[in-house]
Amino acid sequence: MSRNGPGHGDEAAKLKEGYPSRQEIDSLKTKLSQWQSPDQMRAVVKSVKSRIGGVVLFNQAGLQFLMDAWVTAYFDEAVGVKEVCLVDDTWPDCRVQWADGGFKSFEIVEADDPDRRRGDEYLRALCQYQ
């Protein structure tokens, strides 16, 4: 832990570990596109995020599916679902299976300031504590 705040030193170490390879990204997409419990999906996302950190997550192109998986995995806390999966297609982003056996597809949308560059915010914060 950094003396200037929790996690900033950890983020720098994660950034030095490197970015996920194309092969790892493809493997994660395959894993997250399989039906699984929300707890299982949460575990995958938490494991990846703890290894790569927020700087990589928000700056490396091609990782939006991890944000979609995070939303999908936590969706059950709001409405309760039996199983979840990402959809390897343009639309929808995910599918859920309700406890009663029904299925529903969802597109995950983030509303934010169009000029915001979250990845840059992470990098600035990281540099501030180096």
N, C-alpha and C. Protein backbone atom coordinates (compact mmCIF):
# COMPACT_ATOMS: atom_id res chain seq x y z
N MET A 1 0.84 -1.18 0.00
CA MET A 1 0.00 0.00 0.00
C MET A 1 0.88 1.24 0.00
N SER A 2 0.51 2.20 -0.77
CA SER A 2 1.25 3.45 -0.85
C SER A 2 1.00 4.27 0.41
N ARG A 3 2.00 5.04 0.82
CA ARG A 3 1.81 5.90 1.98
C ARG A 3 0.83 7.03 1.68
N ASN A 4 0.61 7.33 0.41
CA ASN A 4 -0.27 8.41 0.01
C ASN A 4 -1.71 7.98 -0.20
N GLY A 5 -1.99 6.73 -0.08
CA GLY A 5 -3.36 6.28 -0.27
C GLY A 5 -3.39 4.83 -0.62
N PRO A 6 -4.48 4.17 -0.32
CA PRO A 6 -4.57 2.74 -0.58
C PRO A 6 -4.58 2.42 -2.06
N GLY A 7 -3.77 1.46 -2.42
CA GLY A 7 -3.85 0.91 -3.76
C GLY A 7 -3.01 1.56 -4.83
N HIS A 8 -2.52 2.78 -4.63
CA HIS A 8 -1.81 3.45 -5.72
C HIS A 8 -0.50 2.75 -6.05
N GLY A 9 0.25 2.30 -5.06
CA GLY A 9 1.47 1.54 -5.31
C GLY A 9 1.14 0.22 -5.98
N ASP A 10 0.01 -0.39 -5.57
CA ASP A 10 -0.43 -1.64 -6.18
C ASP A 10 -0.75 -1.43 -7.65
N GLU A 11 -1.37 -0.31 -7.98
CA GLU A 11 -1.72 -0.02 -9.38
C GLU A 11 -0.46 0.08 -10.23
N ALA A 12 0.57 0.71 -9.71
CA ALA A 12 1.82 0.84 -10.46
C ALA A 12 2.43 -0.52 -10.72
N ALA A 13 2.41 -1.38 -9.72
CA ALA A 13 2.95 -2.73 -9.90
C ALA A 13 2.16 -3.50 -10.94
N LYS A 14 0.85 -3.36 -10.92
CA LYS A 14 0.00 -4.06 -11.89
C LYS A 14 0.27 -3.56 -13.30
N LEU A 15 0.48 -2.26 -13.43
CA LEU A 15 0.76 -1.69 -14.74
C LEU A 15 2.07 -2.25 -15.29
N LYS A 16 3.06 -2.45 -14.42
CA LYS A 16 4.35 -2.99 -14.85
C LYS A 16 4.24 -4.46 -15.25
N GLU A 17 3.25 -5.19 -14.68
CA GLU A 17 3.08 -6.60 -15.03
C GLU A 17 2.71 -6.78 -16.49
N GLY A 18 2.12 -5.77 -17.05
CA GLY A 18 1.77 -5.85 -18.46
C GLY A 18 0.28 -6.00 -18.68
N TYR A 19 -0.07 -5.83 -19.90
CA TYR A 19 -1.45 -5.88 -20.31
C TYR A 19 -1.81 -7.32 -20.68
N PRO A 20 -3.08 -7.67 -20.57
CA PRO A 20 -3.48 -9.04 -20.97
C PRO A 20 -3.16 -9.27 -22.45
N SER A 21 -2.71 -10.46 -22.76
CA SER A 21 -2.41 -10.81 -24.15
C SER A 21 -3.71 -11.04 -24.91
N ARG A 22 -3.61 -11.04 -26.22
CA ARG A 22 -4.77 -11.32 -27.08
C ARG A 22 -5.34 -12.69 -26.73
N GLN A 23 -4.47 -13.65 -26.49
CA GLN A 23 -4.89 -15.00 -26.15
C GLN A 23 -5.66 -15.02 -24.82
N GLU A 24 -5.16 -14.28 -23.83
CA GLU A 24 -5.85 -14.21 -22.54
C GLU A 24 -7.22 -13.54 -22.68
N ILE A 25 -7.27 -12.47 -23.47
CA ILE A 25 -8.54 -11.78 -23.70
C ILE A 25 -9.54 -12.72 -24.36
N ASP A 26 -9.11 -13.43 -25.40
CA ASP A 26 -10.00 -14.38 -26.07
C ASP A 26 -10.49 -15.46 -25.12
N SER A 27 -9.59 -15.95 -24.27
CA SER A 27 -9.95 -16.98 -23.29
C SER A 27 -10.98 -16.45 -22.28
N LEU A 28 -10.78 -15.22 -21.83
CA LEU A 28 -11.74 -14.61 -20.90
C LEU A 28 -13.10 -14.42 -21.56
N LYS A 29 -13.10 -13.95 -22.80
CA LYS A 29 -14.38 -13.77 -23.52
C LYS A 29 -15.12 -15.09 -23.64
N THR A 30 -14.38 -16.15 -23.96
CA THR A 30 -15.01 -17.47 -24.07
C THR A 30 -15.58 -17.90 -22.73
N LYS A 31 -14.81 -17.74 -21.68
CA LYS A 31 -15.26 -18.15 -20.35
C LYS A 31 -16.50 -17.36 -19.92
N LEU A 32 -16.50 -16.06 -20.14
CA LEU A 32 -17.61 -15.22 -19.71
C LEU A 32 -18.85 -15.35 -20.60
N SER A 33 -18.71 -15.95 -21.77
CA SER A 33 -19.87 -16.15 -22.64
C SER A 33 -20.58 -17.48 -22.35
N GLN A 34 -20.07 -18.22 -21.37
CA GLN A 34 -20.73 -19.47 -20.96
C GLN A 34 -21.66 -19.17 -19.79
N TRP A 35 -22.78 -19.90 -19.75
CA TRP A 35 -23.72 -19.74 -18.64
C TRP A 35 -23.03 -20.09 -17.34
N GLN A 36 -23.23 -19.23 -16.34
CA GLN A 36 -22.64 -19.44 -15.02
C GLN A 36 -23.42 -18.65 -13.99
N SER A 37 -23.20 -18.96 -12.74
CA SER A 37 -23.87 -18.21 -11.68
C SER A 37 -23.27 -16.80 -11.63
N PRO A 38 -24.04 -15.84 -11.14
CA PRO A 38 -23.48 -14.50 -10.97
C PRO A 38 -22.24 -14.52 -10.08
N ASP A 39 -22.22 -15.36 -9.05
CA ASP A 39 -21.04 -15.46 -8.17
C ASP A 39 -19.81 -15.91 -8.95
N GLN A 40 -19.98 -16.86 -9.86
CA GLN A 40 -18.85 -17.33 -10.66
C GLN A 40 -18.33 -16.21 -11.56
N MET A 41 -19.23 -15.46 -12.18
CA MET A 41 -18.81 -14.37 -13.06
C MET A 41 -18.12 -13.28 -12.24
N ARG A 42 -18.66 -12.97 -11.06
CA ARG A 42 -18.02 -11.98 -10.19
C ARG A 42 -16.59 -12.41 -9.86
N ALA A 43 -16.41 -13.69 -9.55
CA ALA A 43 -15.08 -14.19 -9.19
C ALA A 43 -14.09 -14.02 -10.35
N VAL A 44 -14.53 -14.29 -11.57
CA VAL A 44 -13.65 -14.12 -12.74
C VAL A 44 -13.26 -12.65 -12.89
N VAL A 45 -14.25 -11.76 -12.83
CA VAL A 45 -13.98 -10.34 -13.02
C VAL A 45 -13.09 -9.81 -11.91
N LYS A 46 -13.37 -10.18 -10.67
CA LYS A 46 -12.54 -9.71 -9.55
C LYS A 46 -11.10 -10.20 -9.70
N SER A 47 -10.93 -11.43 -10.11
CA SER A 47 -9.60 -12.00 -10.29
C SER A 47 -8.81 -11.24 -11.34
N VAL A 48 -9.45 -10.96 -12.47
CA VAL A 48 -8.77 -10.24 -13.55
C VAL A 48 -8.46 -8.81 -13.12
N LYS A 49 -9.44 -8.13 -12.54
CA LYS A 49 -9.23 -6.74 -12.12
C LYS A 49 -8.15 -6.65 -11.05
N SER A 50 -8.10 -7.60 -10.13
CA SER A 50 -7.08 -7.52 -9.09
C SER A 50 -5.68 -7.72 -9.68
N ARG A 51 -5.61 -8.43 -10.80
CA ARG A 51 -4.31 -8.65 -11.44
C ARG A 51 -3.90 -7.48 -12.33
N ILE A 52 -4.84 -6.93 -13.09
CA ILE A 52 -4.45 -5.89 -14.05
C ILE A 52 -4.64 -4.47 -13.51
N GLY A 53 -5.55 -4.28 -12.57
CA GLY A 53 -5.79 -2.95 -11.99
C GLY A 53 -6.64 -2.06 -12.88
N GLY A 54 -7.08 -0.96 -12.29
CA GLY A 54 -7.96 -0.03 -12.99
C GLY A 54 -7.31 0.70 -14.13
N VAL A 55 -6.04 1.01 -14.02
CA VAL A 55 -5.36 1.75 -15.09
C VAL A 55 -5.41 0.96 -16.39
N VAL A 56 -5.08 -0.32 -16.32
CA VAL A 56 -5.12 -1.16 -17.51
C VAL A 56 -6.57 -1.35 -17.96
N LEU A 57 -7.45 -1.64 -17.01
CA LEU A 57 -8.85 -1.90 -17.35
C LEU A 57 -9.46 -0.75 -18.15
N PHE A 58 -9.16 0.48 -17.75
CA PHE A 58 -9.78 1.63 -18.40
C PHE A 58 -8.96 2.20 -19.54
N ASN A 59 -7.77 1.68 -19.81
CA ASN A 59 -6.93 2.23 -20.87
C ASN A 59 -6.65 1.27 -22.02
N GLN A 60 -6.71 -0.02 -21.77
CA GLN A 60 -6.42 -0.96 -22.86
C GLN A 60 -7.68 -1.18 -23.69
N ALA A 61 -7.55 -0.95 -24.98
CA ALA A 61 -8.67 -1.20 -25.88
C ALA A 61 -9.04 -2.68 -25.83
N GLY A 62 -10.31 -2.97 -26.00
CA GLY A 62 -10.75 -4.35 -26.08
C GLY A 62 -11.14 -4.97 -24.74
N LEU A 63 -11.19 -4.17 -23.67
CA LEU A 63 -11.55 -4.73 -22.37
C LEU A 63 -12.94 -4.30 -21.89
N GLN A 64 -13.72 -3.66 -22.76
CA GLN A 64 -15.07 -3.25 -22.38
C GLN A 64 -15.91 -4.45 -21.93
N PHE A 65 -15.65 -5.61 -22.50
CA PHE A 65 -16.41 -6.80 -22.12
C PHE A 65 -16.26 -7.12 -20.63
N LEU A 66 -15.12 -6.74 -20.02
CA LEU A 66 -14.95 -6.96 -18.58
C LEU A 66 -15.87 -6.03 -17.78
N MET A 67 -16.05 -4.81 -18.26
CA MET A 67 -17.01 -3.91 -17.60
C MET A 67 -18.43 -4.44 -17.76
N ASP A 68 -18.74 -4.96 -18.94
CA ASP A 68 -20.06 -5.57 -19.16
C ASP A 68 -20.26 -6.76 -18.23
N ALA A 69 -19.21 -7.56 -18.06
CA ALA A 69 -19.29 -8.73 -17.18
C ALA A 69 -19.50 -8.30 -15.73
N TRP A 70 -18.84 -7.22 -15.33
CA TRP A 70 -19.00 -6.72 -13.97
C TRP A 70 -20.45 -6.32 -13.72
N VAL A 71 -21.03 -5.55 -14.63
CA VAL A 71 -22.43 -5.13 -14.50
C VAL A 71 -23.35 -6.35 -14.50
N THR A 72 -23.10 -7.28 -15.42
CA THR A 72 -23.93 -8.49 -15.52
C THR A 72 -23.86 -9.30 -14.23
N ALA A 73 -22.67 -9.46 -13.68
CA ALA A 73 -22.49 -10.27 -12.48
C ALA A 73 -23.19 -9.66 -11.28
N TYR A 74 -23.24 -8.34 -11.20
CA TYR A 74 -23.88 -7.69 -10.06
C TYR A 74 -25.35 -7.40 -10.29
N PHE A 75 -25.83 -7.65 -11.49
CA PHE A 75 -27.23 -7.43 -11.83
C PHE A 75 -28.14 -8.24 -10.92
N ASP A 76 -27.69 -9.43 -10.52
CA ASP A 76 -28.56 -10.29 -9.72
C ASP A 76 -28.82 -9.70 -8.34
N GLU A 77 -27.93 -8.83 -7.84
CA GLU A 77 -28.18 -8.22 -6.55
C GLU A 77 -29.38 -7.28 -6.61
N ALA A 78 -29.65 -6.72 -7.78
CA ALA A 78 -30.77 -5.81 -7.94
C ALA A 78 -32.08 -6.55 -8.22
N VAL A 79 -32.01 -7.61 -9.01
CA VAL A 79 -33.25 -8.26 -9.44
C VAL A 79 -33.30 -9.75 -9.19
N GLY A 80 -32.18 -10.37 -8.89
CA GLY A 80 -32.14 -11.81 -8.62
C GLY A 80 -32.27 -12.64 -9.89
N VAL A 81 -31.19 -13.25 -10.28
CA VAL A 81 -31.18 -14.13 -11.45
C VAL A 81 -30.47 -15.43 -11.09
N LYS A 82 -30.75 -16.46 -11.89
CA LYS A 82 -30.15 -17.77 -11.64
C LYS A 82 -28.79 -17.90 -12.31
N GLU A 83 -28.72 -17.56 -13.59
CA GLU A 83 -27.47 -17.66 -14.35
C GLU A 83 -27.33 -16.46 -15.27
N VAL A 84 -26.08 -16.20 -15.66
CA VAL A 84 -25.77 -15.07 -16.53
C VAL A 84 -24.71 -15.48 -17.55
N CYS A 85 -24.66 -14.77 -18.65
CA CYS A 85 -23.57 -14.95 -19.62
C CYS A 85 -23.47 -13.70 -20.48
N LEU A 86 -22.25 -13.45 -20.97
CA LEU A 86 -22.08 -12.40 -21.97
C LEU A 86 -22.43 -12.99 -23.32
N VAL A 87 -22.81 -12.12 -24.25
CA VAL A 87 -23.13 -12.55 -25.60
C VAL A 87 -22.01 -12.08 -26.50
N ASP A 88 -21.43 -13.00 -27.23
CA ASP A 88 -20.31 -12.68 -28.11
C ASP A 88 -20.85 -12.17 -29.44
N ASP A 89 -21.41 -10.97 -29.38
CA ASP A 89 -22.04 -10.36 -30.54
C ASP A 89 -22.12 -8.86 -30.27
N THR A 90 -22.59 -8.11 -31.23
CA THR A 90 -22.74 -6.68 -31.07
C THR A 90 -23.88 -6.33 -30.12
N TRP A 91 -25.00 -7.00 -30.25
CA TRP A 91 -26.15 -6.78 -29.38
C TRP A 91 -26.82 -8.11 -29.14
N PRO A 92 -27.28 -8.39 -28.00
CA PRO A 92 -27.15 -7.67 -26.73
C PRO A 92 -25.80 -7.95 -26.08
N ASP A 93 -25.55 -7.31 -24.95
CA ASP A 93 -24.29 -7.54 -24.23
C ASP A 93 -24.34 -8.79 -23.36
N CYS A 94 -25.52 -9.06 -22.80
CA CYS A 94 -25.62 -10.20 -21.89
C CYS A 94 -27.01 -10.81 -21.92
N ARG A 95 -27.08 -12.02 -21.36
CA ARG A 95 -28.37 -12.69 -21.17
C ARG A 95 -28.41 -13.15 -19.72
N VAL A 96 -29.63 -13.16 -19.18
CA VAL A 96 -29.82 -13.67 -17.83
C VAL A 96 -30.93 -14.71 -17.85
N GLN A 97 -30.82 -15.64 -16.93
CA GLN A 97 -31.89 -16.61 -16.74
C GLN A 97 -32.49 -16.34 -15.36
N TRP A 98 -33.79 -16.08 -15.34
CA TRP A 98 -34.49 -15.83 -14.09
C TRP A 98 -34.65 -17.14 -13.32
N ALA A 99 -34.96 -17.02 -12.05
CA ALA A 99 -35.16 -18.20 -11.20
C ALA A 99 -36.30 -19.07 -11.72
N ASP A 100 -37.29 -18.46 -12.40
CA ASP A 100 -38.43 -19.23 -12.93
C ASP A 100 -38.12 -19.92 -14.26
N GLY A 101 -36.87 -19.75 -14.76
CA GLY A 101 -36.47 -20.41 -16.00
C GLY A 101 -36.55 -19.53 -17.23
N GLY A 102 -37.16 -18.36 -17.13
CA GLY A 102 -37.25 -17.45 -18.27
C GLY A 102 -35.91 -16.79 -18.57
N PHE A 103 -35.77 -16.32 -19.80
CA PHE A 103 -34.53 -15.68 -20.24
C PHE A 103 -34.82 -14.26 -20.70
N LYS A 104 -33.82 -13.38 -20.57
CA LYS A 104 -33.95 -12.00 -21.05
C LYS A 104 -32.58 -11.52 -21.49
N SER A 105 -32.54 -10.77 -22.57
CA SER A 105 -31.30 -10.17 -23.08
C SER A 105 -31.25 -8.70 -22.69
N PHE A 106 -30.03 -8.21 -22.43
CA PHE A 106 -29.85 -6.82 -22.04
C PHE A 106 -28.66 -6.20 -22.76
N GLU A 107 -28.79 -4.93 -23.05
CA GLU A 107 -27.68 -4.12 -23.56
C GLU A 107 -27.23 -3.25 -22.38
N ILE A 108 -25.96 -3.27 -22.08
CA ILE A 108 -25.44 -2.49 -20.95
C ILE A 108 -24.97 -1.15 -21.48
N VAL A 109 -25.50 -0.09 -20.90
CA VAL A 109 -25.22 1.26 -21.37
C VAL A 109 -24.69 2.08 -20.20
N GLU A 110 -23.67 2.86 -20.45
CA GLU A 110 -23.11 3.74 -19.42
C GLU A 110 -23.40 5.18 -19.83
N ALA A 111 -24.00 5.93 -18.91
CA ALA A 111 -24.26 7.35 -19.16
C ALA A 111 -23.18 8.15 -18.45
N ASP A 112 -22.48 8.97 -19.19
CA ASP A 112 -21.38 9.74 -18.61
C ASP A 112 -21.17 10.99 -19.45
N ASP A 113 -20.36 11.88 -18.95
CA ASP A 113 -19.97 13.07 -19.70
C ASP A 113 -19.21 12.60 -20.94
N PRO A 114 -19.63 13.01 -22.14
CA PRO A 114 -18.98 12.53 -23.36
C PRO A 114 -17.50 12.93 -23.46
N ASP A 115 -17.10 13.96 -22.74
CA ASP A 115 -15.70 14.39 -22.78
C ASP A 115 -14.84 13.73 -21.71
N ARG A 116 -15.45 12.95 -20.84
CA ARG A 116 -14.69 12.31 -19.76
C ARG A 116 -13.80 11.21 -20.32
N ARG A 117 -12.57 11.15 -19.83
CA ARG A 117 -11.63 10.11 -20.21
C ARG A 117 -11.17 9.45 -18.91
N ARG A 118 -11.97 8.46 -18.48
CA ARG A 118 -11.74 7.81 -17.20
C ARG A 118 -10.33 7.22 -17.11
N GLY A 119 -9.85 6.65 -18.19
CA GLY A 119 -8.50 6.09 -18.19
C GLY A 119 -7.45 7.14 -17.88
N ASP A 120 -7.63 8.34 -18.44
CA ASP A 120 -6.69 9.43 -18.16
C ASP A 120 -6.75 9.82 -16.69
N GLU A 121 -7.95 9.78 -16.10
CA GLU A 121 -8.09 10.09 -14.67
C GLU A 121 -7.29 9.10 -13.82
N TYR A 122 -7.38 7.84 -14.17
CA TYR A 122 -6.63 6.81 -13.45
C TYR A 122 -5.13 7.05 -13.58
N LEU A 123 -4.68 7.34 -14.80
CA LEU A 123 -3.25 7.58 -15.02
C LEU A 123 -2.75 8.80 -14.26
N ARG A 124 -3.52 9.89 -14.26
CA ARG A 124 -3.12 11.09 -13.53
C ARG A 124 -3.02 10.80 -12.03
N ALA A 125 -4.00 10.08 -11.50
CA ALA A 125 -3.97 9.74 -10.08
C ALA A 125 -2.77 8.87 -9.75
N LEU A 126 -2.47 7.94 -10.62
CA LEU A 126 -1.32 7.06 -10.41
C LEU A 126 -0.03 7.86 -10.43
N CYS A 127 0.13 8.75 -11.42
CA CYS A 127 1.34 9.55 -11.54
C CYS A 127 1.51 10.49 -10.34
N GLN A 128 0.41 10.94 -9.79
CA GLN A 128 0.44 11.85 -8.66
C GLN A 128 1.07 11.17 -7.43
N TYR A 129 0.96 9.87 -7.33
CA TYR A 129 1.47 9.14 -6.16
C TYR A 129 2.77 8.42 -6.43
N GLN A 130 3.40 8.67 -7.57
CA GLN A 130 4.68 8.01 -7.89
C GLN A 130 5.84 8.80 -7.37
